[in-house]
Amino acid sequence: MKYNPATEPSPLPYSPFKSCTVPRPIGWLSSVSTTGVENIAPYSQWQNLTFDPPMVMFSANQYPDGRRKDTVINAESTGWFVWNMATYPLREAVNKSAMALGPEESEFEHLGLTRTYAENFPVPMVQESPVKFECKYHSTHRIPGASAVGTVDIIFATVETVHIDDEVITVDGRLDIKKIEPIARLGYFDYTVVRETFEMRVPGADQDAQMGLEGRAA
């Protein structure tokens, strides 16, 4: 099977495109508006960019009517947002936070989560999430799509403060990923959870790993 996704409909009953790049880490992003409305929403186009300095990015498609996502507007207008690691115990809250609400209503009011606040700017954070990044807005790259909903804002940010709960750090100073159980997005309505890991070391890469280079594997 092959097809041109720009000019041909998918020959399958469900589009396979998003299911080909998996698993995708979830950008569970909290922010606040200039009027104080607190927001949290999951984004499945989220990734780190570099480590020196630490930078991250997320992309957000517009709504079909052309409105931009609240997280994008809040990040641009206040200069800050927070990434909260999405975990298996928090999966229902992550999913519920994707509901479409008006910009005057906060998703936090529907989630039953404990709010704490970032140190650099009063952005709400999910206390139950074991890892959080305070992210300082850097820039936006806007790419027009073939439709209103296809138009995307790509937000770049630097990571200014990292919060890690002590109980998810191993005795040798690593994140205990199997204990954290991060979830990731697949295609369709499917997700996965990390419960098994394995190690492969590039020869001579130990020092690189300590510096964040991870064996020069980008």
Protein backbone atom coordinates (compact mmCIF):
# COMPACT_ATOMS: atom_id res chain seq x y z
CA MET A 1 0.00 0.00 0.00
CA LYS A 2 1.17 3.53 -0.73
CA TYR A 3 -0.51 6.87 -1.25
CA ASN A 4 0.23 10.60 -1.40
CA PRO A 5 -1.35 12.11 1.73
CA ALA A 6 -1.32 15.61 0.23
CA THR A 7 -3.46 14.67 -2.77
CA GLU A 8 -5.13 11.32 -1.99
CA PRO A 9 -7.46 10.19 0.77
CA SER A 10 -6.15 7.46 3.02
CA PRO A 11 -6.90 4.01 1.56
CA LEU A 12 -7.45 2.79 5.11
CA PRO A 13 -10.62 3.49 7.12
CA TYR A 14 -8.50 5.32 9.73
CA SER A 15 -5.65 7.64 8.76
CA PRO A 16 -2.33 5.96 9.61
CA PHE A 17 -0.22 9.14 9.64
CA LYS A 18 -0.12 9.85 13.38
CA SER A 19 0.30 6.15 14.15
CA CYS A 20 3.60 6.05 12.27
CA THR A 21 5.51 8.40 14.56
CA VAL A 22 5.09 6.70 17.92
CA PRO A 23 5.28 6.85 20.82
CA ARG A 24 5.04 10.62 21.12
CA PRO A 25 5.77 12.26 24.49
CA ILE A 26 2.89 14.30 25.85
CA GLY A 27 3.28 18.00 26.47
CA TRP A 28 0.90 18.43 29.41
CA LEU A 29 1.21 22.19 29.51
CA SER A 30 -0.12 24.56 32.12
CA SER A 31 -0.29 28.31 31.64
CA VAL A 32 -2.12 31.39 32.81
CA SER A 33 -3.74 34.23 30.89
CA THR A 34 -3.02 37.91 31.44
CA THR A 35 -6.37 38.10 33.26
CA GLY A 36 -5.46 35.23 35.61
CA VAL A 37 -7.40 32.34 34.03
CA GLU A 38 -5.42 29.13 34.59
CA ASN A 39 -5.19 26.61 31.76
CA ILE A 40 -3.86 23.09 31.28
CA ALA A 41 -4.00 20.95 28.13
CA PRO A 42 -2.13 18.00 26.57
CA TYR A 43 -0.19 18.33 23.31
CA SER A 44 1.16 15.28 21.50
CA GLN A 45 3.59 17.27 19.37
CA TRP A 46 6.08 18.04 22.13
CA GLN A 47 9.83 17.48 22.29
CA ASN A 48 13.15 18.69 23.66
CA LEU A 49 15.36 20.50 21.15
CA THR A 50 18.81 20.84 22.69
CA PHE A 51 20.53 20.71 26.06
CA ASP A 52 22.91 23.70 26.00
CA PRO A 53 20.84 25.60 26.92
CA PRO A 54 17.93 23.21 27.56
CA MET A 55 15.17 24.04 25.07
CA VAL A 56 11.80 22.53 24.27
CA MET A 57 9.09 22.97 21.67
CA PHE A 58 5.44 22.16 21.14
CA SER A 59 3.11 22.67 18.22
CA ALA A 60 -0.58 23.50 18.40
CA ASN A 61 -3.04 23.37 15.53
CA GLN A 62 -5.71 26.05 15.33
CA TYR A 63 -9.35 25.33 15.95
CA PRO A 64 -11.47 24.83 12.80
CA ASP A 65 -12.81 28.37 13.16
CA GLY A 66 -9.28 29.79 13.10
CA ARG A 67 -8.90 30.51 16.82
CA ARG A 68 -5.47 29.85 18.29
CA LYS A 69 -5.03 27.59 21.33
CA ASP A 70 -5.11 29.21 24.77
CA THR A 71 -1.71 27.75 25.68
CA VAL A 72 -0.12 29.51 22.70
CA ILE A 73 -1.73 32.85 23.53
CA ASN A 74 -0.82 32.55 27.21
CA ALA A 75 2.80 31.62 26.51
CA GLU A 76 3.22 34.54 24.13
CA SER A 77 1.49 37.09 26.34
CA THR A 78 2.99 36.15 29.74
CA GLY A 79 6.29 34.65 28.55
CA TRP A 80 5.92 31.43 30.54
CA PHE A 81 4.34 27.97 30.67
CA VAL A 82 5.01 24.72 32.57
CA TRP A 83 5.44 21.18 31.30
CA ASN A 84 4.02 18.58 33.68
CA MET A 85 5.06 14.97 33.04
CA ALA A 86 2.00 12.88 32.19
CA THR A 87 1.98 9.57 34.06
CA TYR A 88 -0.24 6.50 34.19
CA PRO A 89 -1.82 7.41 37.56
CA LEU A 90 -2.70 10.82 36.07
CA ARG A 91 -3.99 9.50 32.74
CA GLU A 92 -7.66 10.32 33.35
CA ALA A 93 -6.85 13.90 34.30
CA VAL A 94 -4.60 14.24 31.25
CA ASN A 95 -7.40 13.03 28.99
CA LYS A 96 -10.05 15.20 30.64
CA SER A 97 -7.86 18.29 30.32
CA ALA A 98 -8.12 17.98 26.52
CA MET A 99 -11.76 19.10 26.59
CA ALA A 100 -12.55 22.28 24.70
CA LEU A 101 -13.47 25.09 27.08
CA GLY A 102 -13.83 28.80 26.54
CA PRO A 103 -10.81 31.00 27.34
CA GLU A 104 -12.61 32.29 30.43
CA GLU A 105 -12.90 28.81 32.02
CA SER A 106 -10.11 26.83 33.68
CA GLU A 107 -9.63 23.11 33.08
CA PHE A 108 -8.16 22.85 36.57
CA GLU A 109 -11.63 23.33 38.02
CA HIS A 110 -12.70 20.00 36.50
CA LEU A 111 -9.68 17.81 37.24
CA GLY A 112 -9.45 17.44 41.01
CA LEU A 113 -5.70 18.08 40.96
CA THR A 114 -3.54 19.83 43.53
CA ARG A 115 -2.12 23.10 42.25
CA THR A 116 1.26 24.47 43.18
CA TYR A 117 2.90 27.43 41.51
CA ALA A 118 6.05 27.99 39.50
CA GLU A 119 8.86 30.06 40.98
CA ASN A 120 9.69 32.25 37.97
CA PHE A 121 6.12 33.30 37.17
CA PRO A 122 2.81 32.32 38.87
CA VAL A 123 1.90 29.53 36.45
CA PRO A 124 -0.04 26.65 38.05
CA MET A 125 1.70 23.28 38.15
CA VAL A 126 0.31 19.79 38.85
CA GLN A 127 1.69 18.83 42.25
CA GLU A 128 0.97 15.15 41.59
CA SER A 129 3.19 15.15 38.49
CA PRO A 130 6.69 13.94 39.48
CA VAL A 131 8.64 16.05 36.96
CA LYS A 132 7.97 19.63 35.87
CA PHE A 133 9.78 22.18 33.69
CA GLU A 134 9.30 25.92 34.06
CA CYS A 135 9.58 27.10 30.45
CA LYS A 136 10.37 30.64 29.31
CA TYR A 137 8.86 31.59 25.97
CA HIS A 138 11.41 32.15 23.22
CA SER A 139 9.58 32.49 19.90
CA THR A 140 6.76 31.28 17.66
CA HIS A 141 7.05 29.85 14.17
CA ARG A 142 3.67 29.89 12.43
CA ILE A 143 3.08 27.57 9.47
CA PRO A 144 -0.07 28.02 7.36
CA GLY A 145 -1.90 24.79 6.59
CA ALA A 146 -4.15 23.66 3.79
CA SER A 147 -7.10 24.40 6.09
CA ALA A 148 -7.76 26.52 9.16
CA VAL A 149 -7.26 23.56 11.48
CA GLY A 150 -4.10 22.61 9.57
CA THR A 151 -2.41 25.91 10.44
CA VAL A 152 0.04 25.35 13.28
CA ASP A 153 1.90 27.45 15.85
CA ILE A 154 5.27 26.02 16.90
CA ILE A 155 6.37 27.44 20.24
CA PHE A 156 10.01 27.38 21.33
CA ALA A 157 11.08 27.89 24.94
CA THR A 158 14.05 27.58 27.25
CA VAL A 159 13.83 25.48 30.41
CA GLU A 160 14.63 27.74 33.35
CA THR A 161 13.80 25.51 36.35
CA VAL A 162 13.46 21.72 36.62
CA HIS A 163 11.40 20.15 39.45
CA ILE A 164 11.89 16.44 40.22
CA ASP A 165 10.28 14.64 43.16
CA ASP A 166 12.97 12.99 45.26
CA GLU A 167 11.08 9.70 45.45
CA VAL A 168 11.49 9.08 41.71
CA ILE A 169 15.28 9.46 41.80
CA THR A 170 17.28 6.23 42.11
CA VAL A 171 20.16 5.77 44.53
CA ASP A 172 22.64 6.27 41.67
CA GLY A 173 21.03 9.56 40.67
CA ARG A 174 18.82 8.65 37.70
CA LEU A 175 15.11 9.02 37.06
CA ASP A 176 13.27 5.82 37.95
CA ILE A 177 11.23 5.67 34.75
CA LYS A 178 9.56 2.36 35.59
CA LYS A 179 8.35 3.86 38.86
CA ILE A 180 7.18 7.06 37.17
CA GLU A 181 5.24 5.22 34.42
CA PRO A 182 5.13 8.05 31.86
CA ILE A 183 2.43 7.76 29.22
CA ALA A 184 2.81 8.58 25.53
CA ARG A 185 0.48 9.15 22.62
CA LEU A 186 0.00 6.68 19.80
CA GLY A 187 -2.45 7.06 16.91
CA TYR A 188 -6.24 7.00 16.95
CA PHE A 189 -7.37 7.08 20.60
CA ASP A 190 -4.49 4.90 21.78
CA TYR A 191 -1.79 5.55 24.37
CA THR A 192 1.06 3.53 25.83
CA VAL A 193 2.87 3.47 29.17
CA VAL A 194 6.57 2.89 29.91
CA ARG A 195 6.96 -0.08 32.26
CA GLU A 196 9.93 -1.79 30.67
CA THR A 197 13.32 -0.33 29.73
CA PHE A 198 16.58 -1.72 28.36
CA GLU A 199 20.05 -0.26 28.05
CA MET A 200 22.43 -0.01 25.10
CA ARG A 201 25.73 1.84 25.47
CA VAL A 202 27.76 3.29 22.65
CA PRO A 203 31.42 2.35 23.33
CA GLY A 204 33.08 5.12 25.32
CA ALA A 205 29.83 7.04 25.82
CA ASP A 206 29.68 7.13 29.64
CA GLN A 207 31.08 10.65 29.93
CA ASP A 208 28.81 11.86 27.15
CA ALA A 209 25.79 10.50 29.01
CA GLN A 210 26.73 12.38 32.16
CA MET A 211 26.95 15.59 30.13
CA GLY A 212 23.52 14.99 28.58
CA LEU A 213 24.83 13.90 25.18
CA GLU A 214 23.58 10.33 25.61
CA GLY A 215 26.16 8.62 23.49
CA ARG A 216 26.05 11.22 20.71
CA ALA A 217 22.68 9.77 19.67
CA ALA A 218 21.07 13.21 19.44
